[in-house]
Amino acid sequence: MSWRDYWNTDHPIYVNQRHRLLHYEGLARDIAAYIPSPDAIVLDYGCGEAEAAARVAQGCAVLNLFDTAPNVRASLARRFAGEPKIRVLDEAALEALTPESVDYVVCVSVLQYLTREELGEALDLWREKLKEGGRLVVADVIPPDLSPLADIQALLAFALRGGFFIAACLGLVRTFFSDYRKLRGQLGLTTYGQGDFLGLLAAHGFKGERAAQNFGHNPARMTFVATRL
């Protein structure tokens, strides 16, 4: 099983519905904060279930949602069929986007599941689709020295604030015996140091910097903001 196969299944990554909703509401707030203007064309690459996409769409002209998992795309297409500002893209539609037509590309908590070669291909694609001066935000990047215990602590702190602490504790037990843990042990997660990632951005035609705060609930992970040169 690959990571793409895993995300195409009905996976138990969220401990309950409150966890899911708070997660996506927080991401929507963070994503929307970087929309450059109400007329912006936005691409959310690796969007997942995008539970709060309608909130993001309120702040831009068009929100393009793309995920590599076919089942996720099918679910998104059904949910947003009546939303004129939201488009769900498959691979062909993503490739067909007009070059230099997108104002803002955002990619959250995806890079750990890509190889470095796949990231390079994604960076080239994003640069092709972005307008000159367009904005790229890559969030929830895992640094090499981050302990799994730090992820657990961040989740439990989020759960305590959000009112699902007991469910989170039970969820951690389920995760220990889950396919996610097994797959993480087999495939691992791709990590990047801050200087390493900024160098990759520069090599693919971006000028970037690390943001002061990460998207989502885990402050130990990193968010990078870049401009297409």
Protein backbone atom coordinates (compact mmCIF):
# COMPACT_ATOMS: atom_id res chain seq x y z
CA MET A 1 0.00 0.00 0.00
CA SER A 2 1.24 3.50 -0.85
CA TRP A 3 0.34 6.72 0.97
CA ARG A 4 -1.97 7.59 -1.94
CA ASP A 5 -3.74 4.25 -1.51
CA TYR A 6 -4.10 4.88 2.20
CA TRP A 7 -5.69 8.30 1.77
CA ASN A 8 -8.09 6.78 -0.78
CA THR A 9 -9.53 4.53 1.95
CA ASP A 10 -11.91 5.32 4.81
CA HIS A 11 -9.09 6.06 7.24
CA PRO A 12 -9.49 6.86 10.99
CA ILE A 13 -7.13 9.85 11.07
CA TYR A 14 -9.60 11.99 13.05
CA VAL A 15 -10.64 10.76 16.48
CA ASN A 16 -14.23 12.03 16.15
CA GLN A 17 -16.36 14.50 14.22
CA ARG A 18 -15.48 17.41 16.52
CA HIS A 19 -11.79 16.83 15.86
CA ARG A 20 -12.45 16.82 12.10
CA LEU A 21 -14.52 20.00 12.18
CA LEU A 22 -12.14 21.96 14.40
CA HIS A 23 -9.19 20.85 12.28
CA TYR A 24 -10.73 22.05 9.02
CA GLU A 25 -12.16 25.23 10.52
CA GLY A 26 -8.69 26.16 11.72
CA LEU A 27 -7.13 25.38 8.36
CA ALA A 28 -9.77 27.42 6.55
CA ARG A 29 -8.98 30.40 8.76
CA ASP A 30 -5.24 30.03 8.14
CA ILE A 31 -5.63 29.51 4.39
CA ALA A 32 -8.02 32.45 4.02
CA ALA A 33 -5.59 34.78 5.81
CA TYR A 34 -3.17 34.52 2.87
CA ILE A 35 -5.69 35.14 0.06
CA PRO A 36 -4.26 38.21 -1.68
CA SER A 37 -7.56 39.72 -2.88
CA PRO A 38 -11.27 38.92 -3.35
CA ASP A 39 -10.54 38.44 -7.07
CA ALA A 40 -7.91 35.78 -6.48
CA ILE A 41 -7.83 32.37 -8.15
CA VAL A 42 -6.77 29.85 -5.48
CA LEU A 43 -5.51 26.28 -5.75
CA ASP A 44 -5.63 24.05 -2.67
CA TYR A 45 -3.30 21.18 -3.57
CA GLY A 46 -3.84 18.01 -1.53
CA CYS A 47 -6.98 19.46 0.02
CA GLY A 48 -8.30 16.29 1.67
CA GLU A 49 -11.95 16.42 2.70
CA ALA A 50 -11.87 20.25 2.73
CA GLU A 51 -14.74 20.41 5.23
CA ALA A 52 -14.57 24.22 5.49
CA ALA A 53 -13.81 25.02 1.84
CA ALA A 54 -16.93 27.17 1.57
CA ARG A 55 -15.42 29.56 4.11
CA VAL A 56 -12.23 29.86 2.04
CA ALA A 57 -14.27 30.37 -1.14
CA GLN A 58 -16.00 33.38 0.42
CA GLY A 59 -12.72 35.29 0.27
CA CYS A 60 -11.72 34.62 -3.35
CA ALA A 61 -13.14 34.47 -6.87
CA VAL A 62 -12.47 30.76 -7.54
CA LEU A 63 -11.25 27.99 -5.23
CA ASN A 64 -9.78 25.00 -7.06
CA LEU A 65 -9.60 21.84 -4.95
CA PHE A 66 -7.24 19.03 -5.92
CA ASP A 67 -6.48 15.76 -4.20
CA THR A 68 -4.71 12.73 -5.62
CA ALA A 69 -7.16 10.27 -4.02
CA PRO A 70 -10.03 9.49 -6.45
CA ASN A 71 -12.51 8.67 -3.67
CA VAL A 72 -11.79 11.99 -1.97
CA ARG A 73 -12.31 13.86 -5.25
CA ALA A 74 -15.60 12.08 -5.89
CA SER A 75 -16.85 13.01 -2.43
CA LEU A 76 -15.79 16.63 -2.92
CA ALA A 77 -17.49 16.80 -6.31
CA ARG A 78 -20.78 15.64 -4.78
CA ARG A 79 -20.59 18.03 -1.83
CA PHE A 80 -19.70 21.12 -3.82
CA ALA A 81 -21.75 20.48 -6.95
CA GLY A 82 -23.92 23.51 -6.17
CA GLU A 83 -21.06 25.86 -5.24
CA PRO A 84 -20.27 28.08 -8.26
CA LYS A 85 -16.98 29.35 -6.78
CA ILE A 86 -15.57 25.89 -5.97
CA ARG A 87 -14.10 23.59 -8.63
CA VAL A 88 -12.93 20.05 -7.93
CA LEU A 89 -10.03 19.08 -10.21
CA ASP A 90 -8.69 15.69 -11.25
CA GLU A 91 -5.17 15.28 -12.65
CA ALA A 92 -6.21 16.18 -16.19
CA ALA A 93 -8.05 19.32 -15.07
CA LEU A 94 -5.10 20.35 -12.92
CA GLU A 95 -2.72 20.02 -15.84
CA ALA A 96 -5.18 21.94 -18.03
CA LEU A 97 -5.17 25.02 -15.81
CA THR A 98 -3.89 27.92 -17.85
CA PRO A 99 -0.24 28.75 -17.10
CA GLU A 100 0.19 31.88 -14.97
CA SER A 101 -3.51 31.97 -14.09
CA VAL A 102 -3.42 31.24 -10.35
CA ASP A 103 -2.81 33.87 -7.68
CA TYR A 104 -2.31 31.62 -4.66
CA VAL A 105 -1.35 27.96 -4.21
CA VAL A 106 -1.63 26.39 -0.77
CA CYS A 107 -0.46 22.91 0.24
CA VAL A 108 -1.04 21.77 3.83
CA SER A 109 0.30 18.62 5.49
CA VAL A 110 1.13 16.87 2.21
CA LEU A 111 4.91 17.01 1.80
CA GLN A 112 5.62 14.30 4.36
CA TYR A 113 3.86 11.82 2.05
CA LEU A 114 5.81 12.84 -1.08
CA THR A 115 9.30 11.87 -2.11
CA ARG A 116 11.75 14.68 -2.80
CA GLU A 117 11.41 13.94 -6.51
CA GLU A 118 7.63 14.26 -6.28
CA LEU A 119 8.01 17.54 -4.41
CA GLY A 120 10.26 18.86 -7.17
CA GLU A 121 7.62 17.97 -9.76
CA ALA A 122 4.95 19.68 -7.66
CA LEU A 123 7.04 22.83 -7.27
CA ASP A 124 7.52 23.01 -11.04
CA LEU A 125 3.77 22.56 -11.56
CA TRP A 126 2.91 25.25 -9.04
CA ARG A 127 5.37 27.66 -10.58
CA GLU A 128 3.91 27.02 -14.04
CA LYS A 129 0.35 27.75 -12.86
CA LEU A 130 1.14 30.75 -10.65
CA LYS A 131 1.21 34.27 -11.99
CA GLU A 132 4.48 36.16 -11.72
CA GLY A 133 4.55 37.37 -8.14
CA GLY A 134 1.94 34.76 -7.17
CA ARG A 135 1.97 33.34 -3.68
CA LEU A 136 2.80 29.79 -2.59
CA VAL A 137 2.18 28.65 0.99
CA VAL A 138 3.40 25.21 2.07
CA ALA A 139 2.31 24.35 5.59
CA ASP A 140 2.79 21.67 8.25
CA VAL A 141 6.26 20.71 7.01
CA ILE A 142 7.96 18.28 9.41
CA PRO A 143 11.54 19.13 10.50
CA PRO A 144 14.01 16.22 10.75
CA ASP A 145 14.47 16.47 14.50
CA LEU A 146 10.77 16.46 15.42
CA SER A 147 9.91 13.61 17.77
CA PRO A 148 6.62 11.70 17.37
CA LEU A 149 6.05 12.56 21.03
CA ALA A 150 5.88 16.23 20.06
CA ASP A 151 3.08 15.42 17.60
CA ILE A 152 1.23 13.55 20.35
CA GLN A 153 1.64 16.44 22.78
CA ALA A 154 0.37 18.91 20.18
CA LEU A 155 -2.68 16.75 19.45
CA LEU A 156 -3.52 16.34 23.14
CA ALA A 157 -3.15 20.08 23.77
CA PHE A 158 -5.45 20.77 20.79
CA ALA A 159 -7.92 18.18 22.09
CA LEU A 160 -7.91 19.70 25.56
CA ARG A 161 -8.69 23.14 24.12
CA GLY A 162 -11.28 21.71 21.74
CA GLY A 163 -13.13 19.50 24.17
CA PHE A 164 -12.31 16.06 22.77
CA PHE A 165 -9.45 15.02 25.05
CA ILE A 166 -10.81 11.59 26.00
CA ALA A 167 -11.59 10.80 22.36
CA ALA A 168 -8.05 11.85 21.44
CA CYS A 169 -6.55 9.49 24.00
CA LEU A 170 -8.64 6.62 22.68
CA GLY A 171 -7.72 7.64 19.14
CA LEU A 172 -4.02 7.42 19.91
CA VAL A 173 -4.54 3.85 21.08
CA ARG A 174 -6.36 3.02 17.83
CA THR A 175 -3.60 4.67 15.80
CA PHE A 176 -1.00 2.47 17.49
CA PHE A 177 -2.69 -0.59 15.98
CA SER A 178 -3.71 1.08 12.70
CA ASP A 179 -2.59 0.80 9.08
CA TYR A 180 -1.30 4.39 9.38
CA ARG A 181 1.31 3.41 11.96
CA LYS A 182 2.29 0.32 9.97
CA LEU A 183 2.61 2.32 6.76
CA ARG A 184 4.59 5.05 8.50
CA GLY A 185 6.97 2.37 9.72
CA GLN A 186 7.34 0.93 6.21
CA LEU A 187 7.50 4.11 4.12
CA GLY A 188 8.46 6.73 6.66
CA LEU A 189 7.71 10.44 6.39
CA THR A 190 9.73 12.92 4.35
CA THR A 191 11.23 15.73 6.45
CA TYR A 192 12.96 19.01 5.64
CA GLY A 193 15.23 21.37 7.51
CA GLN A 194 14.43 25.05 7.20
CA GLY A 195 17.51 25.88 5.11
CA ASP A 196 17.06 22.75 3.03
CA PHE A 197 13.51 23.67 2.12
CA LEU A 198 14.29 27.29 1.36
CA GLY A 199 17.04 26.03 -0.95
CA LEU A 200 14.55 23.80 -2.77
CA LEU A 201 12.19 26.71 -3.23
CA ALA A 202 14.99 28.84 -4.71
CA ALA A 203 16.08 26.01 -7.03
CA HIS A 204 12.57 25.86 -8.46
CA GLY A 205 12.05 29.58 -9.02
CA PHE A 206 10.64 30.82 -5.72
CA LYS A 207 11.77 33.31 -3.13
CA GLY A 208 10.62 32.06 0.26
CA GLU A 209 10.76 32.52 4.00
CA ARG A 210 9.51 30.64 7.01
CA ALA A 211 6.31 32.03 8.50
CA ALA A 212 6.25 32.96 12.17
CA GLN A 213 3.47 30.47 12.86
CA ASN A 214 2.52 27.10 11.39
CA PHE A 215 -0.95 26.34 10.05
CA GLY A 216 -3.08 24.13 12.27
CA HIS A 217 -2.48 22.98 15.84
CA ASN A 218 1.17 21.86 15.80
CA PRO A 219 3.58 24.75 16.45
CA ALA A 220 6.65 22.51 16.08
CA ARG A 221 6.00 22.01 12.35
CA MET A 222 6.79 24.69 9.77
CA THR A 223 4.98 26.87 7.25
CA PHE A 224 6.79 28.52 4.34
CA VAL A 225 5.55 31.47 2.30
CA ALA A 226 7.05 31.99 -1.14
CA THR A 227 6.69 34.21 -4.19
CA ARG A 228 7.04 33.04 -7.77
CA LEU A 229 9.97 34.81 -9.45
